[in-house]
Amino acid sequence: MRKNLHIMILFIILNLFVGCAITKTVVGDFYLEHKKYDSGEKYFKNKLKQNNSDASAQYYYGRFLLLKNNEKEALLHLKKAVALDNKNADYNSWLGIAYSSKKEFSKERESYLKALNINKNHLQSLTYLAHNYYEAKEYKNALKYYGKALKLQKSNYASLYNRALSLNKLGRVPEEKLAWLKYLEYYPFGLLAQKSVRFLNTLGSFEYRNHIIGIRTLTLKNIRFENFEARIDSSSYSSLNLLGKILNKKTKINIHIVVYQQNNILLAKEKAKSIQRYLLKKYPNIDSSRLKLSWFDTAKILLINKRKYILGEHVDFISIDVKKK
């Protein structure tokens, strides 16, 4: 039903704008958005048969060819689009991406710079130009353009992650820590989040840890408590909620909650119980027998890259698969 509605809307728009330049933009974006790459390629191929001097048709045809891994032909059509309309930032930017696919990196860079000369706030060009500099090991320039991209879009995941990588390459440790934390603030899940945590832990920052829960790696923010108390700080609710949702769904997994509190066994015990109470209250379908508790009045010692880290207070989650009887 929804598919038919989208198609109906497209044809209504086409009828309204037949013969106008805006038609190709609407059609092109429609096919791209709905991943109808074969239909898009066919449509713009026919348009070019009618008029080979149509910059918009050349551009979209090149885009669809890129998506179908026909980089060589895509490059030819994107070049034509730019030749026909060299004041279009999008055309120049995608020409840069086409050059990148052919490993023509100097021409790629030139295309992004042209796009930015047309529109200094062209987000795609800022981001990909930064990537180009990063791959060329020009880390200061990469950092400059990642920063510009992030001023336009704070949540730009590629710029957030690669900004931290650039700072790592430059050895700017305090800034690197902040950059990884900022990335995790926006994107606390997934493979890149896990890698970010490993970078942070290597730098001696343990605000996040990766935990093996069942067969998956789960990135969780370190569980925090109110000062001198076992009351869980609200900043830790999201991590505990994520853990609770997994336990709610994966009923064959038990969790061992292990709390370290240097020289205070009673506080360690209360913190472990506090986490257990939170999970059981929030997720009543979890049986209490699935949440094992341990507490120690010693520090947690981690050895990372032959370097020892001592954490005076820490929480570990260790999963235990339930054996089938």
C-alpha atoms as a PDB file:
ATOM      1  CA  MET A   1       0.000   0.000   0.000  1.00  0.00           C
ATOM      2  CA  ARG A   2       2.745   2.434   0.999  1.00  0.00           C
ATOM      3  CA  LYS A   3       4.749   1.501  -2.103  1.00  0.00           C
ATOM      4  CA  ASN A   4       1.775   2.289  -4.347  1.00  0.00           C
ATOM      5  CA  LEU A   5       1.243   5.581  -2.525  1.00  0.00           C
ATOM      6  CA  HIS A   6       4.856   6.627  -3.167  1.00  0.00           C
ATOM      7  CA  ILE A   7       4.530   5.801  -6.853  1.00  0.00           C
ATOM      8  CA  MET A   8       1.227   7.730  -7.070  1.00  0.00           C
ATOM      9  CA  ILE A   9       2.836  10.783  -5.442  1.00  0.00           C
ATOM     10  CA  LEU A  10       5.724  10.591  -7.880  1.00  0.00           C
ATOM     11  CA  PHE A  11       3.440  10.583 -10.919  1.00  0.00           C
ATOM     12  CA  ILE A  12       1.391  13.483  -9.527  1.00  0.00           C
ATOM     13  CA  ILE A  13       4.596  15.498  -9.124  1.00  0.00           C
ATOM     14  CA  LEU A  14       5.737  14.551 -12.609  1.00  0.00           C
ATOM     15  CA  ASN A  15       2.475  15.733 -14.103  1.00  0.00           C
ATOM     16  CA  LEU A  16       2.787  19.036 -12.272  1.00  0.00           C
ATOM     17  CA  PHE A  17       6.330  19.694 -13.424  1.00  0.00           C
ATOM     18  CA  VAL A  18       6.599  18.036 -16.828  1.00  0.00           C
ATOM     19  CA  GLY A  19       9.292  19.748 -18.869  1.00  0.00           C
ATOM     20  CA  CYS A  20      10.781  21.605 -15.912  1.00  0.00           C
ATOM     21  CA  ALA A  21      14.312  21.160 -14.575  1.00  0.00           C
ATOM     22  CA  ILE A  22      12.857  20.403 -11.144  1.00  0.00           C
ATOM     23  CA  THR A  23      11.359  17.180 -12.525  1.00  0.00           C
ATOM     24  CA  LYS A  24      14.696  15.447 -12.809  1.00  0.00           C
ATOM     25  CA  THR A  25      15.670  16.436  -9.271  1.00  0.00           C
ATOM     26  CA  VAL A  26      12.400  15.093  -7.863  1.00  0.00           C
ATOM     27  CA  VAL A  27      12.622  11.858  -9.862  1.00  0.00           C
ATOM     28  CA  GLY A  28      16.317  11.370  -9.143  1.00  0.00           C
ATOM     29  CA  ASP A  29      15.947  11.910  -5.414  1.00  0.00           C
ATOM     30  CA  PHE A  30      12.882   9.641  -5.351  1.00  0.00           C
ATOM     31  CA  TYR A  31      14.730   6.745  -6.963  1.00  0.00           C
ATOM     32  CA  LEU A  32      17.757   7.292  -4.712  1.00  0.00           C
ATOM     33  CA  GLU A  33      15.708   7.522  -1.528  1.00  0.00           C
ATOM     34  CA  HIS A  34      13.759   4.350  -2.308  1.00  0.00           C
ATOM     35  CA  LYS A  35      16.834   2.503  -3.633  1.00  0.00           C
ATOM     36  CA  LYS A  36      15.296   1.958  -7.058  1.00  0.00           C
ATOM     37  CA  TYR A  37      18.677   2.056  -8.750  1.00  0.00           C
ATOM     38  CA  ASP A  38      17.770   0.064 -11.862  1.00  0.00           C
ATOM     39  CA  SER A  39      14.715   2.247 -12.493  1.00  0.00           C
ATOM     40  CA  GLY A  40      16.741   5.412 -11.920  1.00  0.00           C
ATOM     41  CA  GLU A  41      19.486   4.341 -14.290  1.00  0.00           C
ATOM     42  CA  LYS A  42      16.963   3.454 -16.991  1.00  0.00           C
ATOM     43  CA  TYR A  43      15.018   6.716 -16.574  1.00  0.00           C
ATOM     44  CA  PHE A  44      18.054   8.989 -16.904  1.00  0.00           C
ATOM     45  CA  LYS A  45      19.602   6.945 -19.681  1.00  0.00           C
ATOM     46  CA  ASN A  46      16.447   7.615 -21.700  1.00  0.00           C
ATOM     47  CA  LYS A  47      16.583  11.302 -20.781  1.00  0.00           C
ATOM     48  CA  LEU A  48      20.133  11.540 -22.131  1.00  0.00           C
ATOM     49  CA  LYS A  49      19.051   9.940 -25.396  1.00  0.00           C
ATOM     50  CA  GLN A  50      16.597  12.813 -25.729  1.00  0.00           C
ATOM     51  CA  ASN A  51      19.085  15.513 -24.683  1.00  0.00           C
ATOM     52  CA  ASN A  52      22.746  14.731 -24.062  1.00  0.00           C
ATOM     53  CA  SER A  53      23.391  18.316 -22.931  1.00  0.00           C
ATOM     54  CA  ASP A  54      21.175  18.035 -19.846  1.00  0.00           C
ATOM     55  CA  ALA A  55      23.478  18.590 -16.854  1.00  0.00           C
ATOM     56  CA  SER A  56      20.955  17.251 -14.325  1.00  0.00           C
ATOM     57  CA  ALA A  57      20.389  14.039 -16.285  1.00  0.00           C
ATOM     58  CA  GLN A  58      24.154  13.547 -16.651  1.00  0.00           C
ATOM     59  CA  TYR A  59      24.566  14.018 -12.900  1.00  0.00           C
ATOM     60  CA  TYR A  60      21.852  11.578 -11.813  1.00  0.00           C
ATOM     61  CA  TYR A  61      22.837   9.002 -14.428  1.00  0.00           C
ATOM     62  CA  GLY A  62      26.385   9.184 -13.046  1.00  0.00           C
ATOM     63  CA  ARG A  63      25.089   8.739  -9.499  1.00  0.00           C
ATOM     64  CA  PHE A  64      23.168   5.586 -10.420  1.00  0.00           C
ATOM     65  CA  LEU A  65      26.134   4.173 -12.313  1.00  0.00           C
ATOM     66  CA  LEU A  66      28.280   4.696  -9.220  1.00  0.00           C
ATOM     67  CA  LEU A  67      25.751   2.813  -7.116  1.00  0.00           C
ATOM     68  CA  LYS A  68      25.951  -0.065  -9.580  1.00  0.00           C
ATOM     69  CA  ASN A  69      29.771  -0.083  -9.329  1.00  0.00           C
ATOM     70  CA  ASN A  70      30.268   1.156 -12.871  1.00  0.00           C
ATOM     71  CA  GLU A  71      32.832   3.740 -11.763  1.00  0.00           C
ATOM     72  CA  LYS A  72      34.497   4.280 -15.117  1.00  0.00           C
ATOM     73  CA  GLU A  73      31.320   5.278 -16.948  1.00  0.00           C
ATOM     74  CA  ALA A  74      29.990   7.154 -13.920  1.00  0.00           C
ATOM     75  CA  LEU A  75      33.105   9.346 -13.949  1.00  0.00           C
ATOM     76  CA  LEU A  76      32.516  10.284 -17.600  1.00  0.00           C
ATOM     77  CA  HIS A  77      28.933  11.409 -16.963  1.00  0.00           C
ATOM     78  CA  LEU A  78      29.753  13.314 -13.791  1.00  0.00           C
ATOM     79  CA  LYS A  79      32.526  15.126 -15.684  1.00  0.00           C
ATOM     80  CA  LYS A  80      29.954  16.095 -18.313  1.00  0.00           C
ATOM     81  CA  ALA A  81      27.560  17.334 -15.626  1.00  0.00           C
ATOM     82  CA  VAL A  82      30.262  19.619 -14.204  1.00  0.00           C
ATOM     83  CA  ALA A  83      31.294  20.792 -17.695  1.00  0.00           C
ATOM     84  CA  LEU A  84      27.674  21.735 -18.418  1.00  0.00           C
ATOM     85  CA  ASP A  85      27.126  23.404 -15.030  1.00  0.00           C
ATOM     86  CA  ASN A  86      30.352  24.154 -13.153  1.00  0.00           C
ATOM     87  CA  LYS A  87      28.580  26.283 -10.531  1.00  0.00           C
ATOM     88  CA  ASN A  88      26.807  23.346  -8.906  1.00  0.00           C
ATOM     89  CA  ALA A  89      28.445  22.212  -5.647  1.00  0.00           C
ATOM     90  CA  ASP A  90      26.687  18.825  -5.677  1.00  0.00           C
ATOM     91  CA  TYR A  91      27.988  18.000  -9.148  1.00  0.00           C
ATOM     92  CA  ASN A  92      31.572  18.833  -8.189  1.00  0.00           C
ATOM     93  CA  SER A  93      31.307  16.934  -4.913  1.00  0.00           C
ATOM     94  CA  TRP A  94      30.037  13.742  -6.542  1.00  0.00           C
ATOM     95  CA  LEU A  95      32.672  14.067  -9.224  1.00  0.00           C
ATOM     96  CA  GLY A  96      35.173  13.986  -6.352  1.00  0.00           C
ATOM     97  CA  ILE A  97      33.619  10.767  -5.045  1.00  0.00           C
ATOM     98  CA  ALA A  98      33.857   9.268  -8.526  1.00  0.00           C
ATOM     99  CA  TYR A  99      37.537  10.209  -8.693  1.00  0.00           C
ATOM    100  CA  SER A 100      38.010   8.578  -5.283  1.00  0.00           C
ATOM    101  CA  SER A 101      36.508   5.322  -6.563  1.00  0.00           C
ATOM    102  CA  LYS A 102      39.143   5.379  -9.313  1.00  0.00           C
ATOM    103  CA  LYS A 103      41.886   6.218  -6.775  1.00  0.00           C
ATOM    104  CA  GLU A 104      42.599   9.562  -8.449  1.00  0.00           C
ATOM    105  CA  PHE A 105      43.018  11.289  -5.119  1.00  0.00           C
ATOM    106  CA  SER A 106      44.527  14.606  -6.234  1.00  0.00           C
ATOM    107  CA  LYS A 107      41.626  15.171  -8.642  1.00  0.00           C
ATOM    108  CA  GLU A 108      39.226  14.076  -5.911  1.00  0.00           C
ATOM    109  CA  ARG A 109      40.598  16.768  -3.614  1.00  0.00           C
ATOM    110  CA  GLU A 110      40.417  19.387  -6.351  1.00  0.00           C
ATOM    111  CA  SER A 111      36.735  18.602  -6.927  1.00  0.00           C
ATOM    112  CA  TYR A 112      35.838  19.021  -3.247  1.00  0.00           C
ATOM    113  CA  LEU A 113      37.719  22.315  -3.085  1.00  0.00           C
ATOM    114  CA  LYS A 114      35.786  23.543  -6.139  1.00  0.00           C
ATOM    115  CA  ALA A 115      32.524  22.527  -4.491  1.00  0.00           C
ATOM    116  CA  LEU A 116      33.493  24.429  -1.344  1.00  0.00           C
ATOM    117  CA  ASN A 117      34.459  27.463  -3.408  1.00  0.00           C
ATOM    118  CA  ILE A 118      30.865  27.445  -4.667  1.00  0.00           C
ATOM    119  CA  ASN A 119      29.333  26.676  -1.253  1.00  0.00           C
ATOM    120  CA  LYS A 120      31.647  26.891   1.769  1.00  0.00           C
ATOM    121  CA  ASN A 121      29.056  25.048   3.885  1.00  0.00           C
ATOM    122  CA  HIS A 122      28.701  22.031   1.605  1.00  0.00           C
ATOM    123  CA  LEU A 123      28.690  19.321   4.268  1.00  0.00           C
ATOM    124  CA  GLN A 124      29.486  16.356   2.045  1.00  0.00           C
ATOM    125  CA  SER A 125      32.480  18.109   0.516  1.00  0.00           C
ATOM    126  CA  LEU A 126      33.821  19.201   3.912  1.00  0.00           C
ATOM    127  CA  THR A 127      33.577  15.646   5.236  1.00  0.00           C
ATOM    128  CA  TYR A 128      35.061  13.913   2.198  1.00  0.00           C
ATOM    129  CA  LEU A 129      37.812  16.486   1.798  1.00  0.00           C
ATOM    130  CA  ALA A 130      38.751  15.755   5.419  1.00  0.00           C
ATOM    131  CA  HIS A 131      38.798  12.024   4.581  1.00  0.00           C
ATOM    132  CA  ASN A 132      41.039  12.763   1.614  1.00  0.00           C
ATOM    133  CA  TYR A 133      43.512  14.647   3.818  1.00  0.00           C
ATOM    134  CA  TYR A 134      43.374  11.885   6.443  1.00  0.00           C
ATOM    135  CA  GLU A 135      44.206   9.175   3.891  1.00  0.00           C
ATOM    136  CA  ALA A 136      47.114  11.338   2.696  1.00  0.00           C
ATOM    137  CA  LYS A 137      48.332  11.504   6.344  1.00  0.00           C
ATOM    138  CA  GLU A 138      47.792  15.264   6.392  1.00  0.00           C
ATOM    139  CA  TYR A 139      46.162  15.020   9.789  1.00  0.00           C
ATOM    140  CA  LYS A 140      46.139  18.720  10.693  1.00  0.00           C
ATOM    141  CA  ASN A 141      44.238  19.569   7.512  1.00  0.00           C
ATOM    142  CA  ALA A 142      41.908  16.622   8.099  1.00  0.00           C
ATOM    143  CA  LEU A 143      41.200  17.899  11.608  1.00  0.00           C
ATOM    144  CA  LYS A 144      40.480  21.375  10.261  1.00  0.00           C
ATOM    145  CA  TYR A 145      37.783  20.177   7.871  1.00  0.00           C
ATOM    146  CA  TYR A 146      36.252  17.645  10.275  1.00  0.00           C
ATOM    147  CA  GLY A 147      35.854  20.573  12.653  1.00  0.00           C
ATOM    148  CA  LYS A 148      34.114  22.644   9.984  1.00  0.00           C
ATOM    149  CA  ALA A 149      31.769  19.763   9.177  1.00  0.00           C
ATOM    150  CA  LEU A 150      30.882  19.345  12.858  1.00  0.00           C
ATOM    151  CA  LYS A 151      30.025  23.029  13.184  1.00  0.00           C
ATOM    152  CA  LEU A 152      27.336  22.417  10.562  1.00  0.00           C
ATOM    153  CA  GLN A 153      26.191  19.050  11.907  1.00  0.00           C
ATOM    154  CA  LYS A 154      27.185  18.142  15.471  1.00  0.00           C
ATOM    155  CA  SER A 155      26.096  14.527  15.041  1.00  0.00           C
ATOM    156  CA  ASN A 156      28.049  13.861  11.826  1.00  0.00           C
ATOM    157  CA  TYR A 157      29.233  10.362  12.763  1.00  0.00           C
ATOM    158  CA  ALA A 158      32.072  10.110  10.215  1.00  0.00           C
ATOM    159  CA  SER A 159      33.521  13.462  11.285  1.00  0.00           C
ATOM    160  CA  LEU A 160      33.140  12.666  14.982  1.00  0.00           C
ATOM    161  CA  TYR A 161      34.947   9.349  14.645  1.00  0.00           C
ATOM    162  CA  ASN A 162      37.665  10.495  12.264  1.00  0.00           C
ATOM    163  CA  ARG A 163      38.321  13.652  14.253  1.00  0.00           C
ATOM    164  CA  ALA A 164      39.293  11.391  17.146  1.00  0.00           C
ATOM    165  CA  LEU A 165      41.463   9.270  14.838  1.00  0.00           C
ATOM    166  CA  SER A 166      43.211  12.397  13.561  1.00  0.00           C
ATOM    167  CA  LEU A 167      43.944  13.546  17.108  1.00  0.00           C
ATOM    168  CA  ASN A 168      45.274  10.062  17.840  1.00  0.00           C
ATOM    169  CA  LYS A 169      47.685  10.304  14.900  1.00  0.00           C
ATOM    170  CA  LEU A 170      48.837  13.720  16.110  1.00  0.00           C
ATOM    171  CA  GLY A 171      49.386  12.448  19.664  1.00  0.00           C
ATOM    172  CA  ARG A 172      47.057  15.066  21.145  1.00  0.00           C
ATOM    173  CA  VAL A 173      45.905  12.786  23.975  1.00  0.00           C
ATOM    174  CA  PRO A 174      43.691  15.111  26.096  1.00  0.00           C
ATOM    175  CA  GLU A 175      41.767  16.232  23.004  1.00  0.00           C
ATOM    176  CA  GLU A 176      41.592  12.671  21.702  1.00  0.00           C
ATOM    177  CA  LYS A 177      39.899  11.504  24.920  1.00  0.00           C
ATOM    178  CA  LEU A 178      37.305  14.262  24.603  1.00  0.00           C
ATOM    179  CA  ALA A 179      36.722  13.380  20.955  1.00  0.00           C
ATOM    180  CA  TRP A 180      36.075   9.679  21.668  1.00  0.00           C
ATOM    181  CA  LEU A 181      33.701  10.604  24.482  1.00  0.00           C
ATOM    182  CA  LYS A 182      31.833  12.995  22.200  1.00  0.00           C
ATOM    183  CA  TYR A 183      31.487  10.264  19.558  1.00  0.00           C
ATOM    184  CA  LEU A 184      30.110   7.842  22.178  1.00  0.00           C
ATOM    185  CA  GLU A 185      27.718  10.503  23.429  1.00  0.00           C
ATOM    186  CA  TYR A 186      25.998  10.392  20.039  1.00  0.00           C
ATOM    187  CA  TYR A 187      26.730   6.790  18.983  1.00  0.00           C
ATOM    188  CA  PRO A 188      27.121   4.467  21.998  1.00  0.00           C
ATOM    189  CA  PHE A 189      26.302   1.285  20.043  1.00  0.00           C
ATOM    190  CA  GLY A 190      27.869  -0.747  17.275  1.00  0.00           C
ATOM    191  CA  LEU A 191      31.320  -1.730  16.053  1.00  0.00           C
ATOM    192  CA  LEU A 192      32.725   1.806  15.936  1.00  0.00           C
ATOM    193  CA  ALA A 193      31.543   2.405  19.500  1.00  0.00           C
ATOM    194  CA  GLN A 194      33.430  -0.714  20.597  1.00  0.00           C
ATOM    195  CA  LYS A 195      36.565   0.521  18.820  1.00  0.00           C
ATOM    196  CA  SER A 196      36.158   3.958  20.416  1.00  0.00           C
ATOM    197  CA  VAL A 197      36.036   2.360  23.859  1.00  0.00           C
ATOM    198  CA  ARG A 198      39.195   0.377  23.170  1.00  0.00           C
ATOM    199  CA  PHE A 199      40.980   3.602  22.229  1.00  0.00           C
ATOM    200  CA  LEU A 200      39.711   5.271  25.413  1.00  0.00           C
ATOM    201  CA  ASN A 201      40.692   2.358  27.641  1.00  0.00           C
ATOM    202  CA  THR A 202      44.175   2.322  26.103  1.00  0.00           C
ATOM    203  CA  LEU A 203      44.462   6.002  27.046  1.00  0.00           C
ATOM    204  CA  GLY A 204      43.512   5.181  30.619  1.00  0.00           C
ATOM    205  CA  SER A 205      39.920   6.430  30.389  1.00  0.00           C
ATOM    206  CA  PHE A 206      37.293   3.969  31.629  1.00  0.00           C
ATOM    207  CA  GLU A 207      34.065   5.930  31.440  1.00  0.00           C
ATOM    208  CA  TYR A 208      32.930   3.242  28.984  1.00  0.00           C
ATOM    209  CA  ARG A 209      33.713  -0.480  28.893  1.00  0.00           C
ATOM    210  CA  ASN A 210      32.936  -3.272  26.445  1.00  0.00           C
ATOM    211  CA  HIS A 211      31.193  -6.263  28.032  1.00  0.00           C
ATOM    212  CA  ILE A 212      30.649  -9.698  26.521  1.00  0.00           C
ATOM    213  CA  ILE A 213      26.953 -10.478  26.974  1.00  0.00           C
ATOM    214  CA  GLY A 214      26.077 -13.840  25.459  1.00  0.00           C
ATOM    215  CA  ILE A 215      27.593 -13.857  21.973  1.00  0.00           C
ATOM    216  CA  ARG A 216      27.642 -10.100  21.480  1.00  0.00           C
ATOM    217  CA  THR A 217      29.846  -7.271  22.697  1.00  0.00           C
ATOM    218  CA  LEU A 218      27.895  -4.591  24.526  1.00  0.00           C
ATOM    219  CA  THR A 219      29.263  -1.081  25.054  1.00  0.00           C
ATOM    220  CA  LEU A 220      28.095   0.343  28.369  1.00  0.00           C
ATOM    221  CA  LYS A 221      28.851   3.551  30.181  1.00  0.00           C
ATOM    222  CA  ASN A 222      30.527   2.881  33.499  1.00  0.00           C
ATOM    223  CA  ILE A 223      27.898   2.549  36.234  1.00  0.00           C
ATOM    224  CA  ARG A 224      28.045   5.529  38.557  1.00  0.00           C
ATOM    225  CA  PHE A 225      26.575   6.104  42.009  1.00  0.00           C
ATOM    226  CA  GLU A 226      25.823   9.095  44.194  1.00  0.00           C
ATOM    227  CA  ASN A 227      28.857  10.221  46.195  1.00  0.00           C
ATOM    228  CA  PHE A 228      29.510   7.980  49.228  1.00  0.00           C
ATOM    229  CA  GLU A 229      26.273   6.062  48.563  1.00  0.00           C
ATOM    230  CA  ALA A 230      24.943   3.012  46.711  1.00  0.00           C
ATOM    231  CA  ARG A 231      22.180   4.991  45.004  1.00  0.00           C
ATOM    232  CA  ILE A 232      22.588   4.705  41.226  1.00  0.00           C
ATOM    233  CA  ASP A 233      23.237   7.982  39.431  1.00  0.00           C
ATOM    234  CA  SER A 234      20.658   8.788  36.739  1.00  0.00           C
ATOM    235  CA  SER A 235      23.429   8.963  34.111  1.00  0.00           C
ATOM    236  CA  SER A 236      23.697   5.164  34.377  1.00  0.00           C
ATOM    237  CA  TYR A 237      20.039   4.375  33.696  1.00  0.00           C
ATOM    238  CA  SER A 238      20.476   4.118  29.926  1.00  0.00           C
ATOM    239  CA  SER A 239      23.230   1.505  30.240  1.00  0.00           C
ATOM    240  CA  LEU A 240      21.274  -0.564  32.756  1.00  0.00           C
ATOM    241  CA  ASN A 241      18.146  -0.293  30.616  1.00  0.00           C
ATOM    242  CA  LEU A 242      20.024  -1.623  27.600  1.00  0.00           C
ATOM    243  CA  LEU A 243      21.328  -4.536  29.660  1.00  0.00           C
ATOM    244  CA  GLY A 244      17.841  -5.184  31.038  1.00  0.00           C
ATOM    245  CA  LYS A 245      16.283  -5.264  27.579  1.00  0.00           C
ATOM    246  CA  ILE A 246      18.814  -7.856  26.434  1.00  0.00           C
ATOM    247  CA  LEU A 247      18.215 -10.037  29.489  1.00  0.00           C
ATOM    248  CA  ASN A 248      14.472  -9.696  28.976  1.00  0.00           C
ATOM    249  CA  LYS A 249      14.843 -11.024  25.440  1.00  0.00           C
ATOM    250  CA  LYS A 250      17.677 -13.520  25.895  1.00  0.00           C
ATOM    251  CA  THR A 251      16.273 -15.730  28.633  1.00  0.00           C
ATOM    252  CA  LYS A 252      19.142 -18.237  28.379  1.00  0.00           C
ATOM    253  CA  ILE A 253      21.661 -15.720  29.712  1.00  0.00           C
ATOM    254  CA  ASN A 254      22.455 -15.102  33.371  1.00  0.00           C
ATOM    255  CA  ILE A 255      24.489 -12.116  34.523  1.00  0.00           C
ATOM    256  CA  HIS A 256      27.171 -11.970  37.196  1.00  0.00           C
ATOM    257  CA  ILE A 257      27.234  -8.446  38.648  1.00  0.00           C
ATOM    258  CA  VAL A 258      30.687  -7.823  40.128  1.00  0.00           C
ATOM    259  CA  VAL A 259      31.390  -4.653  42.112  1.00  0.00           C
ATOM    260  CA  TYR A 260      34.821  -3.444  43.244  1.00  0.00           C
ATOM    261  CA  GLN A 261      35.075  -0.814  45.996  1.00  0.00           C
ATOM    262  CA  GLN A 262      38.547  -0.351  47.394  1.00  0.00           C
ATOM    263  CA  ASN A 263      38.661  -0.877  51.196  1.00  0.00           C
ATOM    264  CA  ASN A 264      34.863  -0.734  51.636  1.00  0.00           C
ATOM    265  CA  ILE A 265      33.218  -4.142  51.424  1.00  0.00           C
ATOM    266  CA  LEU A 266      29.838  -2.914  52.726  1.00  0.00           C
ATOM    267  CA  LEU A 267      29.535  -0.223  50.046  1.00  0.00           C
ATOM    268  CA  ALA A 268      30.550  -2.730  47.377  1.00  0.00           C
ATOM    269  CA  LYS A 269      27.813  -5.115  48.566  1.00  0.00           C
ATOM    270  CA  GLU A 270      25.143  -2.387  48.609  1.00  0.00           C
ATOM    271  CA  LYS A 271      26.089  -1.214  45.124  1.00  0.00           C
ATOM    272  CA  ALA A 272      25.742  -4.755  43.756  1.00  0.00           C
ATOM    273  CA  LYS A 273      22.331  -5.105  45.394  1.00  0.00           C
ATOM    274  CA  SER A 274      21.283  -1.678  44.121  1.00  0.00           C
ATOM    275  CA  ILE A 275      21.980  -2.705  40.517  1.00  0.00           C
ATOM    276  CA  GLN A 276      20.089  -5.965  41.023  1.00  0.00           C
ATOM    277  CA  ARG A 277      17.064  -4.140  42.510  1.00  0.00           C
ATOM    278  CA  TYR A 278      17.006  -1.657  39.631  1.00  0.00           C
ATOM    279  CA  LEU A 279      16.969  -4.371  36.963  1.00  0.00           C
ATOM    280  CA  LEU A 280      14.338  -6.479  38.724  1.00  0.00           C
ATOM    281  CA  LYS A 281      12.046  -3.492  39.272  1.00  0.00           C
ATOM    282  CA  LYS A 282      12.438  -2.150  35.746  1.00  0.00           C
ATOM    283  CA  TYR A 283      12.187  -5.579  34.103  1.00  0.00           C
ATOM    284  CA  PRO A 284       9.969  -7.782  36.311  1.00  0.00           C
ATOM    285  CA  ASN A 285      10.093 -10.670  33.822  1.00  0.00           C
ATOM    286  CA  ILE A 286      13.743 -11.253  34.754  1.00  0.00           C
ATOM    287  CA  ASP A 287      13.977 -13.879  37.506  1.00  0.00           C
ATOM    288  CA  SER A 288      16.205 -12.822  40.406  1.00  0.00           C
ATOM    289  CA  SER A 289      18.119 -16.116  40.161  1.00  0.00           C
ATOM    290  CA  ARG A 290      19.544 -14.911  36.837  1.00  0.00           C
ATOM    291  CA  LEU A 291      21.360 -11.996  38.490  1.00  0.00           C
ATOM    292  CA  LYS A 292      24.306 -13.309  40.475  1.00  0.00           C
ATOM    293  CA  LEU A 293      26.135 -10.932  42.805  1.00  0.00           C
ATOM    294  CA  SER A 294      29.748 -10.604  43.898  1.00  0.00           C
ATOM    295  CA  TRP A 295      31.532  -7.765  45.656  1.00  0.00           C
ATOM    296  CA  PHE A 296      35.117  -7.071  46.637  1.00  0.00           C
ATOM    297  CA  ASP A 297      36.885  -4.514  48.811  1.00  0.00           C
ATOM    298  CA  THR A 298      39.787  -4.397  46.381  1.00  0.00           C
ATOM    299  CA  ALA A 299      40.509  -2.335  43.288  1.00  0.00           C
ATOM    300  CA  LYS A 300      39.890  -3.670  39.793  1.00  0.00           C
ATOM    301  CA  ILE A 301      43.208  -4.156  38.002  1.00  0.00           C
ATOM    302  CA  LEU A 302      43.311  -4.011  34.204  1.00  0.00           C
ATOM    303  CA  LEU A 303      46.317  -4.821  32.024  1.00  0.00           C
ATOM    304  CA  ILE A 304      46.132  -3.113  28.616  1.00  0.00           C
ATOM    305  CA  ASN A 305      49.073  -3.149  26.206  1.00  0.00           C
ATOM    306  CA  LYS A 306      51.370  -4.238  29.081  1.00  0.00           C
ATOM    307  CA  ARG A 307      50.272  -1.248  31.139  1.00  0.00           C
ATOM    308  CA  LYS A 308      48.531  -1.678  34.495  1.00  0.00           C
ATOM    309  CA  TYR A 309      45.484   0.396  35.435  1.00  0.00           C
ATOM    310  CA  ILE A 310      44.012   0.393  38.944  1.00  0.00           C
ATOM    311  CA  LEU A 311      40.331   1.290  39.306  1.00  0.00           C
ATOM    312  CA  GLY A 312      39.321   1.978  42.893  1.00  0.00           C
ATOM    313  CA  GLU A 313      35.616   1.515  42.148  1.00  0.00           C
ATOM    314  CA  HIS A 314      34.237  -0.394  39.206  1.00  0.00           C
ATOM    315  CA  VAL A 315      31.343  -2.571  38.009  1.00  0.00           C
ATOM    316  CA  ASP A 316      31.716  -5.603  35.750  1.00  0.00           C
ATOM    317  CA  PHE A 317      28.974  -7.581  34.026  1.00  0.00           C
ATOM    318  CA  ILE A 318      29.885 -11.165  33.155  1.00  0.00           C
ATOM    319  CA  SER A 319      27.377 -13.261  31.253  1.00  0.00           C
ATOM    320  CA  ILE A 320      26.795 -16.928  32.008  1.00  0.00           C
ATOM    321  CA  ASP A 321      24.955 -19.059  29.451  1.00  0.00           C
ATOM    322  CA  VAL A 322      22.307 -21.262  31.039  1.00  0.00           C
ATOM    323  CA  LYS A 323      23.007 -24.904  30.233  1.00  0.00           C
ATOM    324  CA  LYS A 324      20.101 -26.815  28.755  1.00  0.00           C
ATOM    325  CA  LYS A 325      18.974 -29.671  30.902  1.00  0.00           C
END
